[in-house]
């Protein structure tokens, strides 16, 4: 994921994009931990495991079915609209 992110990000924005992703990821981990604890307390461990498994399966199917993901540019190549530099 990081390789794709860096390959489509313009050079002058890579530091900002990387720091923004890092900040959002850290925040999501904190919120996810709290939400997971609350859901285990509410639903119990086994139903939550099944729910999370179904959620991950749905994400995998939807991502695989997404035409934009399947037609993503190859590693090291930018999409035609992004390959031109602004001056």
PDB file of N, CA and C in Angstrom:
ATOM      1  N   UNK A   1       0.821  -1.185   0.000  1.00  0.00           N
ATOM      2  CA  UNK A   1       0.000   0.000   0.000  1.00  0.00           C
ATOM      3  C   UNK A   1       0.865   1.249   0.000  1.00  0.00           C
ATOM      4  N   UNK A   2       1.936   1.249   0.767  1.00  0.00           N
ATOM      5  CA  UNK A   2       2.801   2.425   0.831  1.00  0.00           C
ATOM      6  C   UNK A   2       3.465   2.674  -0.515  1.00  0.00           C
ATOM      7  N   UNK A   3       3.872   1.621  -1.199  1.00  0.00           N
ATOM      8  CA  UNK A   3       4.510   1.784  -2.502  1.00  0.00           C
ATOM      9  C   UNK A   3       3.555   2.441  -3.491  1.00  0.00           C
ATOM     10  N   UNK A   4       2.313   1.991  -3.510  1.00  0.00           N
ATOM     11  CA  UNK A   4       1.317   2.586  -4.405  1.00  0.00           C
ATOM     12  C   UNK A   4       1.071   4.044  -4.019  1.00  0.00           C
ATOM     13  N   UNK A   5       0.932   4.299  -2.739  1.00  0.00           N
ATOM     14  CA  UNK A   5       0.697   5.669  -2.259  1.00  0.00           C
ATOM     15  C   UNK A   5       1.821   6.591  -2.701  1.00  0.00           C
ATOM     16  N   UNK A   6       3.056   6.160  -2.521  1.00  0.00           N
ATOM     17  CA  UNK A   6       4.190   7.002  -2.894  1.00  0.00           C
ATOM     18  C   UNK A   6       4.344   7.135  -4.404  1.00  0.00           C
ATOM     19  N   UNK A   7       3.944   6.117  -5.152  1.00  0.00           N
ATOM     20  CA  UNK A   7       4.090   6.194  -6.604  1.00  0.00           C
ATOM     21  C   UNK A   7       3.094   7.157  -7.237  1.00  0.00           C
ATOM     22  N   UNK A   8       1.952   7.383  -6.589  1.00  0.00           N
ATOM     23  CA  UNK A   8       0.960   8.294  -7.164  1.00  0.00           C
ATOM     24  C   UNK A   8       0.996   9.681  -6.535  1.00  0.00           C
ATOM     25  N   UNK A   9       1.808   9.865  -5.495  1.00  0.00           N
ATOM     26  CA  UNK A   9       1.902  11.162  -4.825  1.00  0.00           C
ATOM     27  C   UNK A   9       3.024  11.983  -5.453  1.00  0.00           C
ATOM     28  N   UNK A  10       2.747  13.232  -5.814  1.00  0.00           N
ATOM     29  CA  UNK A  10       3.816  14.081  -6.353  1.00  0.00           C
ATOM     30  C   UNK A  10       4.952  14.233  -5.334  1.00  0.00           C
ATOM     31  N   UNK A  11       6.175  14.350  -5.841  1.00  0.00           N
ATOM     32  CA  UNK A  11       7.360  14.416  -4.984  1.00  0.00           C
ATOM     33  C   UNK A  11       7.248  15.493  -3.914  1.00  0.00           C
ATOM     34  N   UNK A  12       6.736  16.650  -4.287  1.00  0.00           N
ATOM     35  CA  UNK A  12       6.693  17.766  -3.341  1.00  0.00           C
ATOM     36  C   UNK A  12       5.655  17.579  -2.223  1.00  0.00           C
ATOM     37  N   UNK A  13       4.784  16.594  -2.337  1.00  0.00           N
ATOM     38  CA  UNK A  13       3.754  16.360  -1.310  1.00  0.00           C
ATOM     39  C   UNK A  13       3.978  15.077  -0.513  1.00  0.00           C
ATOM     40  N   UNK A  14       5.018  14.326  -0.805  1.00  0.00           N
ATOM     41  CA  UNK A  14       5.202  13.023  -0.156  1.00  0.00           C
ATOM     42  C   UNK A  14       5.328  13.123   1.359  1.00  0.00           C
ATOM     43  N   UNK A  15       6.062  14.079   1.863  1.00  0.00           N
ATOM     44  CA  UNK A  15       6.209  14.222   3.309  1.00  0.00           C
ATOM     45  C   UNK A  15       4.888  14.522   3.985  1.00  0.00           C
ATOM     46  N   UNK A  16       4.127  15.430   3.402  1.00  0.00           N
ATOM     47  CA  UNK A  16       2.822  15.790   3.979  1.00  0.00           C
ATOM     48  C   UNK A  16       1.847  14.626   3.939  1.00  0.00           C
ATOM     49  N   UNK A  17       1.809  13.929   2.817  1.00  0.00           N
ATOM     50  CA  UNK A  17       0.890  12.792   2.689  1.00  0.00           C
ATOM     51  C   UNK A  17       1.264  11.689   3.670  1.00  0.00           C
ATOM     52  N   UNK A  18       2.549  11.380   3.772  1.00  0.00           N
ATOM     53  CA  UNK A  18       2.996  10.334   4.682  1.00  0.00           C
ATOM     54  C   UNK A  18       2.669  10.684   6.125  1.00  0.00           C
ATOM     55  N   UNK A  19       2.886  11.936   6.529  1.00  0.00           N
ATOM     56  CA  UNK A  19       2.588  12.322   7.909  1.00  0.00           C
ATOM     57  C   UNK A  19       1.082  12.329   8.169  1.00  0.00           C
ATOM     58  N   UNK A  20       0.280  12.732   7.188  1.00  0.00           N
ATOM     59  CA  UNK A  20      -1.176  12.715   7.360  1.00  0.00           C
ATOM     60  C   UNK A  20      -1.689  11.283   7.518  1.00  0.00           C
ATOM     61  N   UNK A  21      -1.184  10.376   6.703  1.00  0.00           N
ATOM     62  CA  UNK A  21      -1.597   8.967   6.807  1.00  0.00           C
ATOM     63  C   UNK A  21      -1.184   8.396   8.156  1.00  0.00           C
ATOM     64  N   UNK A  22       0.013   8.730   8.611  1.00  0.00           N
ATOM     65  CA  UNK A  22       0.487   8.247   9.909  1.00  0.00           C
ATOM     66  C   UNK A  22      -0.390   8.765  11.051  1.00  0.00           C
ATOM     67  N   UNK A  23      -0.745  10.032  10.996  1.00  0.00           N
ATOM     68  CA  UNK A  23      -1.600  10.618  12.032  1.00  0.00           C
ATOM     69  C   UNK A  23      -2.975   9.962  12.044  1.00  0.00           C
ATOM     70  N   UNK A  24      -3.561   9.786  10.870  1.00  0.00           N
ATOM     71  CA  UNK A  24      -4.885   9.165  10.787  1.00  0.00           C
ATOM     72  C   UNK A  24      -4.854   7.708  11.235  1.00  0.00           C
ATOM     73  N   UNK A  25      -3.795   6.994  10.893  1.00  0.00           N
ATOM     74  CA  UNK A  25      -3.675   5.591  11.296  1.00  0.00           C
ATOM     75  C   UNK A  25      -3.561   5.459  12.806  1.00  0.00           C
ATOM     76  N   UNK A  26      -2.759   6.303  13.421  1.00  0.00           N
ATOM     77  CA  UNK A  26      -2.599   6.261  14.879  1.00  0.00           C
ATOM     78  C   UNK A  26      -3.919   6.582  15.571  1.00  0.00           C
ATOM     79  N   UNK A  27      -4.623   7.580  15.077  1.00  0.00           N
ATOM     80  CA  UNK A  27      -5.930   7.922  15.652  1.00  0.00           C
ATOM     81  C   UNK A  27      -6.941   6.807  15.485  1.00  0.00           C
ATOM     82  N   UNK A  28      -6.934   6.160  14.313  1.00  0.00           N
ATOM     83  CA  UNK A  28      -7.862   5.058  14.074  1.00  0.00           C
ATOM     84  C   UNK A  28      -7.574   3.876  14.984  1.00  0.00           C
ATOM     85  N   UNK A  29      -6.297   3.609  15.261  1.00  0.00           N
ATOM     86  CA  UNK A  29      -5.952   2.511  16.173  1.00  0.00           C
ATOM     87  C   UNK A  29      -6.500   2.768  17.573  1.00  0.00           C
ATOM     88  N   UNK A  30      -6.396   4.005  18.033  1.00  0.00           N
ATOM     89  CA  UNK A  30      -6.906   4.341  19.366  1.00  0.00           C
ATOM     90  C   UNK A  30      -8.423   4.207  19.428  1.00  0.00           C
ATOM     91  N   UNK A  31      -9.095   4.725  18.434  1.00  0.00           N
ATOM     92  CA  UNK A  31     -10.563   4.641  18.402  1.00  0.00           C
ATOM     93  C   UNK A  31     -11.001   3.190  18.239  1.00  0.00           C
ATOM     94  N   UNK A  32     -10.293   2.424  17.395  1.00  0.00           N
ATOM     95  CA  UNK A  32     -10.635   1.019  17.180  1.00  0.00           C
ATOM     96  C   UNK A  32     -10.492   0.176  18.432  1.00  0.00           C
ATOM     97  N   UNK A  33      -9.484   0.474  19.238  1.00  0.00           N
ATOM     98  CA  UNK A  33      -9.290  -0.254  20.487  1.00  0.00           C
ATOM     99  C   UNK A  33     -10.459  -0.006  21.435  1.00  0.00           C
ATOM    100  N   UNK A  34     -10.856   1.249  21.552  1.00  0.00           N
ATOM    101  CA  UNK A  34     -11.995   1.576  22.423  1.00  0.00           C
ATOM    102  C   UNK A  34     -13.291   0.955  21.899  1.00  0.00           C
ATOM    103  N   UNK A  35     -13.509   1.054  20.590  1.00  0.00           N
ATOM    104  CA  UNK A  35     -14.728   0.490  20.007  1.00  0.00           C
ATOM    105  C   UNK A  35     -14.740  -1.031  20.142  1.00  0.00           C
ATOM    106  N   UNK A  36     -13.588  -1.676  19.931  1.00  0.00           N
ATOM    107  CA  UNK A  36     -13.516  -3.131  20.074  1.00  0.00           C
ATOM    108  C   UNK A  36     -13.834  -3.585  21.484  1.00  0.00           C
ATOM    109  N   UNK A  37     -13.302  -2.873  22.475  1.00  0.00           N
ATOM    110  CA  UNK A  37     -13.613  -3.209  23.866  1.00  0.00           C
ATOM    111  C   UNK A  37     -15.093  -3.059  24.172  1.00  0.00           C
ATOM    112  N   UNK A  38     -15.697  -1.987  23.671  1.00  0.00           N
ATOM    113  CA  UNK A  38     -17.128  -1.763  23.892  1.00  0.00           C
ATOM    114  C   UNK A  38     -17.968  -2.843  23.207  1.00  0.00           C
ATOM    115  N   UNK A  39     -17.570  -3.225  21.992  1.00  0.00           N
ATOM    116  CA  UNK A  39     -18.324  -4.251  21.269  1.00  0.00           C
ATOM    117  C   UNK A  39     -18.171  -5.627  21.905  1.00  0.00           C
ATOM    118  N   UNK A  40     -16.993  -5.948  22.416  1.00  0.00           N
ATOM    119  CA  UNK A  40     -16.821  -7.226  23.108  1.00  0.00           C
ATOM    120  C   UNK A  40     -17.706  -7.251  24.353  1.00  0.00           C
ATOM    121  N   UNK A  41     -17.768  -6.134  25.061  1.00  0.00           N
ATOM    122  CA  UNK A  41     -18.623  -6.063  26.242  1.00  0.00           C
ATOM    123  C   UNK A  41     -20.097  -6.183  25.911  1.00  0.00           C
ATOM    124  N   UNK A  42     -20.475  -5.656  24.749  1.00  0.00           N
ATOM    125  CA  UNK A  42     -21.889  -5.670  24.359  1.00  0.00           C
ATOM    126  C   UNK A  42     -22.299  -6.983  23.694  1.00  0.00           C
ATOM    127  N   UNK A  43     -21.526  -7.435  22.701  1.00  0.00           N
ATOM    128  CA  UNK A  43     -21.908  -8.599  21.908  1.00  0.00           C
ATOM    129  C   UNK A  43     -21.293  -9.911  22.396  1.00  0.00           C
ATOM    130  N   UNK A  44     -20.151  -9.825  23.031  1.00  0.00           N
ATOM    131  CA  UNK A  44     -19.403 -11.026  23.391  1.00  0.00           C
ATOM    132  C   UNK A  44     -18.327 -11.280  22.347  1.00  0.00           C
ATOM    133  N   UNK A  45     -17.366 -12.110  22.686  1.00  0.00           N
ATOM    134  CA  UNK A  45     -16.201 -12.322  21.827  1.00  0.00           C
ATOM    135  C   UNK A  45     -16.535 -13.096  20.548  1.00  0.00           C
ATOM    136  N   UNK A  46     -17.250 -14.224  20.664  1.00  0.00           N
ATOM    137  CA  UNK A  46     -17.513 -15.053  19.484  1.00  0.00           C
ATOM    138  C   UNK A  46     -18.356 -14.323  18.430  1.00  0.00           C
ATOM    139  N   UNK A  47     -19.461 -13.694  18.800  1.00  0.00           N
ATOM    140  CA  UNK A  47     -20.221 -12.967  17.768  1.00  0.00           C
ATOM    141  C   UNK A  47     -19.417 -11.831  17.133  1.00  0.00           C
ATOM    142  N   UNK A  48     -18.571 -11.202  17.906  1.00  0.00           N
ATOM    143  CA  UNK A  48     -17.762 -10.117  17.358  1.00  0.00           C
ATOM    144  C   UNK A  48     -16.725 -10.646  16.368  1.00  0.00           C
ATOM    145  N   UNK A  49     -16.163 -11.816  16.633  1.00  0.00           N
ATOM    146  CA  UNK A  49     -15.222 -12.421  15.685  1.00  0.00           C
ATOM    147  C   UNK A  49     -15.936 -12.715  14.369  1.00  0.00           C
ATOM    148  N   UNK A  50     -17.128 -13.262  14.423  1.00  0.00           N
ATOM    149  CA  UNK A  50     -17.902 -13.536  13.207  1.00  0.00           C
ATOM    150  C   UNK A  50     -18.258 -12.237  12.475  1.00  0.00           C
ATOM    151  N   UNK A  51     -18.648 -11.222  13.233  1.00  0.00           N
ATOM    152  CA  UNK A  51     -18.989  -9.930  12.634  1.00  0.00           C
ATOM    153  C   UNK A  51     -17.783  -9.314  11.936  1.00  0.00           C
ATOM    154  N   UNK A  52     -16.637  -9.344  12.586  1.00  0.00           N
ATOM    155  CA  UNK A  52     -15.415  -8.788  11.984  1.00  0.00           C
ATOM    156  C   UNK A  52     -14.989  -9.599  10.758  1.00  0.00           C
ATOM    157  N   UNK A  53     -15.139 -10.915  10.825  1.00  0.00           N
ATOM    158  CA  UNK A  53     -14.822 -11.761   9.671  1.00  0.00           C
ATOM    159  C   UNK A  53     -15.715 -11.444   8.479  1.00  0.00           C
ATOM    160  N   UNK A  54     -17.011 -11.265   8.742  1.00  0.00           N
ATOM    161  CA  UNK A  54     -17.944 -10.912   7.666  1.00  0.00           C
ATOM    162  C   UNK A  54     -17.606  -9.538   7.091  1.00  0.00           C
ATOM    163  N   UNK A  55     -17.233  -8.595   7.942  1.00  0.00           N
ATOM    164  CA  UNK A  55     -16.856  -7.255   7.498  1.00  0.00           C
ATOM    165  C   UNK A  55     -15.619  -7.303   6.599  1.00  0.00           C
ATOM    166  N   UNK A  56     -14.603  -8.064   7.009  1.00  0.00           N
ATOM    167  CA  UNK A  56     -13.394  -8.175   6.205  1.00  0.00           C
ATOM    168  C   UNK A  56     -13.666  -8.863   4.870  1.00  0.00           C
ATOM    169  N   UNK A  57     -14.531  -9.868   4.873  1.00  0.00           N
ATOM    170  CA  UNK A  57     -14.901 -10.539   3.640  1.00  0.00           C
ATOM    171  C   UNK A  57     -15.622  -9.575   2.698  1.00  0.00           C
ATOM    172  N   UNK A  58     -16.537  -8.772   3.252  1.00  0.00           N
ATOM    173  CA  UNK A  58     -17.255  -7.787   2.433  1.00  0.00           C
ATOM    174  C   UNK A  58     -16.296  -6.765   1.833  1.00  0.00           C
ATOM    175  N   UNK A  59     -15.338  -6.301   2.615  1.00  0.00           N
ATOM    176  CA  UNK A  59     -14.356  -5.336   2.103  1.00  0.00           C
ATOM    177  C   UNK A  59     -13.527  -5.969   0.994  1.00  0.00           C
ATOM    178  N   UNK A  60     -13.113  -7.220   1.177  1.00  0.00           N
ATOM    179  CA  UNK A  60     -12.305  -7.904   0.158  1.00  0.00           C
ATOM    180  C   UNK A  60     -13.086  -8.072  -1.143  1.00  0.00           C
ATOM    181  N   UNK A  61     -14.350  -8.459  -1.043  1.00  0.00           N
ATOM    182  CA  UNK A  61     -15.177  -8.657  -2.244  1.00  0.00           C
ATOM    183  C   UNK A  61     -15.405  -7.329  -2.955  1.00  0.00           C
ATOM    184  N   UNK A  62     -15.746  -6.290  -2.196  1.00  0.00           N
ATOM    185  CA  UNK A  62     -16.001  -4.987  -2.814  1.00  0.00           C
ATOM    186  C   UNK A  62     -14.740  -4.396  -3.436  1.00  0.00           C
ATOM    187  N   UNK A  63     -13.604  -4.586  -2.791  1.00  0.00           N
ATOM    188  CA  UNK A  63     -12.348  -4.082  -3.347  1.00  0.00           C
ATOM    189  C   UNK A  63     -11.994  -4.827  -4.622  1.00  0.00           C
ATOM    190  N   UNK A  64     -12.172  -6.135  -4.619  1.00  0.00           N
ATOM    191  CA  UNK A  64     -11.881  -6.930  -5.801  1.00  0.00           C
ATOM    192  C   UNK A  64     -12.815  -6.572  -6.953  1.00  0.00           C
ATOM    193  N   UNK A  65     -14.041  -6.262  -6.651  1.00  0.00           N
ATOM    194  CA  UNK A  65     -15.024  -5.918  -7.683  1.00  0.00           C
ATOM    195  C   UNK A  65     -14.862  -4.491  -8.198  1.00  0.00           C
ATOM    196  N   UNK A  66     -14.101  -3.665  -7.521  1.00  0.00           N
ATOM    197  CA  UNK A  66     -13.926  -2.271  -7.898  1.00  0.00           C
ATOM    198  C   UNK A  66     -13.034  -2.162  -9.137  1.00  0.00           C
ATOM    199  N   UNK A  67     -13.563  -1.622 -10.213  1.00  0.00           N
ATOM    200  CA  UNK A  67     -12.827  -1.511 -11.473  1.00  0.00           C
ATOM    201  C   UNK A  67     -11.593  -0.622 -11.330  1.00  0.00           C
ATOM    202  N   UNK A  68     -11.667   0.440 -10.553  1.00  0.00           N
ATOM    203  CA  UNK A  68     -10.528   1.342 -10.386  1.00  0.00           C
ATOM    204  C   UNK A  68      -9.344   0.628  -9.724  1.00  0.00           C
ATOM    205  N   UNK A  69      -9.617  -0.274  -8.812  1.00  0.00           N
ATOM    206  CA  UNK A  69      -8.540  -1.019  -8.154  1.00  0.00           C
ATOM    207  C   UNK A  69      -7.928  -2.020  -9.124  1.00  0.00           C
ATOM    208  N   UNK A  70      -8.755  -2.687  -9.884  1.00  0.00           N
ATOM    209  CA  UNK A  70      -8.241  -3.679 -10.835  1.00  0.00           C
ATOM    210  C   UNK A  70      -7.447  -3.043 -11.959  1.00  0.00           C
ATOM    211  N   UNK A  71      -7.759  -1.803 -12.304  1.00  0.00           N
ATOM    212  CA  UNK A  71      -7.068  -1.128 -13.399  1.00  0.00           C
ATOM    213  C   UNK A  71      -6.070  -0.094 -12.900  1.00  0.00           C
ATOM    214  N   UNK A  72      -5.591  -0.252 -11.684  1.00  0.00           N
ATOM    215  CA  UNK A  72      -4.598   0.672 -11.127  1.00  0.00           C
ATOM    216  C   UNK A  72      -3.327   0.595 -11.954  1.00  0.00           C
ATOM    217  N   UNK A  73      -2.621   1.717 -12.075  1.00  0.00           N
ATOM    218  CA  UNK A  73      -1.385   1.697 -12.859  1.00  0.00           C
ATOM    219  C   UNK A  73      -0.355   0.746 -12.259  1.00  0.00           C
ATOM    220  N   UNK A  74       0.477   0.199 -13.114  1.00  0.00           N
ATOM    221  CA  UNK A  74       1.521  -0.712 -12.663  1.00  0.00           C
ATOM    222  C   UNK A  74       2.506   0.013 -11.773  1.00  0.00           C
ATOM    223  N   UNK A  75       3.245  -0.744 -11.016  1.00  0.00           N
ATOM    224  CA  UNK A  75       4.239  -0.179 -10.109  1.00  0.00           C
ATOM    225  C   UNK A  75       5.244   0.659 -10.899  1.00  0.00           C
ATOM    226  N   UNK A  76       5.488   1.863 -10.427  1.00  0.00           N
ATOM    227  CA  UNK A  76       6.451   2.742 -11.075  1.00  0.00           C
ATOM    228  C   UNK A  76       5.870   3.583 -12.195  1.00  0.00           C
ATOM    229  N   UNK A  77       4.653   3.330 -12.588  1.00  0.00           N
ATOM    230  CA  UNK A  77       4.012   4.112 -13.639  1.00  0.00           C
ATOM    231  C   UNK A  77       2.878   4.916 -13.044  1.00  0.00           C
ATOM    232  N   UNK A  78       2.760   6.132 -13.490  1.00  0.00           N
ATOM    233  CA  UNK A  78       1.663   6.979 -13.017  1.00  0.00           C
ATOM    234  C   UNK A  78       0.546   6.958 -14.034  1.00  0.00           C
ATOM    235  N   UNK A  79      -0.643   7.254 -13.558  1.00  0.00           N
ATOM    236  CA  UNK A  79      -1.785   7.357 -14.455  1.00  0.00           C
ATOM    237  C   UNK A  79      -1.527   8.506 -15.424  1.00  0.00           C
ATOM    238  N   UNK A  80      -2.063   8.448 -16.644  1.00  0.00           N
ATOM    239  CA  UNK A  80      -1.768   9.474 -17.640  1.00  0.00           C
ATOM    240  C   UNK A  80      -2.021  10.903 -17.172  1.00  0.00           C
ATOM    241  N   UNK A  81      -3.086  11.163 -16.465  1.00  0.00           N
ATOM    242  CA  UNK A  81      -3.400  12.527 -16.028  1.00  0.00           C
ATOM    243  C   UNK A  81      -2.419  13.006 -14.952  1.00  0.00           C
ATOM    244  N   UNK A  82      -1.811  12.081 -14.230  1.00  0.00           N
ATOM    245  CA  UNK A  82      -0.925  12.462 -13.138  1.00  0.00           C
ATOM    246  C   UNK A  82       0.538  12.511 -13.567  1.00  0.00           C
ATOM    247  N   UNK A  83       0.841  12.037 -14.769  1.00  0.00           N
ATOM    248  CA  UNK A  83       2.236  11.962 -15.174  1.00  0.00           C
ATOM    249  C   UNK A  83       2.800  13.314 -15.591  1.00  0.00           C
ATOM    250  N   UNK A  84       1.930  14.260 -15.902  1.00  0.00           N
ATOM    251  CA  UNK A  84       2.397  15.585 -16.292  1.00  0.00           C
ATOM    252  C   UNK A  84       2.619  16.431 -15.052  1.00  0.00           C
ATOM    253  N   UNK A  85       3.749  17.085 -14.996  1.00  0.00           N
ATOM    254  CA  UNK A  85       4.064  17.957 -13.870  1.00  0.00           C
ATOM    255  C   UNK A  85       3.519  19.338 -14.119  1.00  0.00           C
ATOM    256  N   UNK A  86       3.020  19.948 -13.057  1.00  0.00           N
ATOM    257  CA  UNK A  86       2.569  21.335 -13.158  1.00  0.00           C
ATOM    258  C   UNK A  86       3.762  22.258 -12.998  1.00  0.00           C
ATOM    259  N   UNK A  87       3.752  23.345 -13.716  1.00  0.00           N
ATOM    260  CA  UNK A  87       4.862  24.298 -13.590  1.00  0.00           C
ATOM    261  C   UNK A  87       4.422  25.573 -12.945  1.00  0.00           C
TER     262      UNK A  87
END
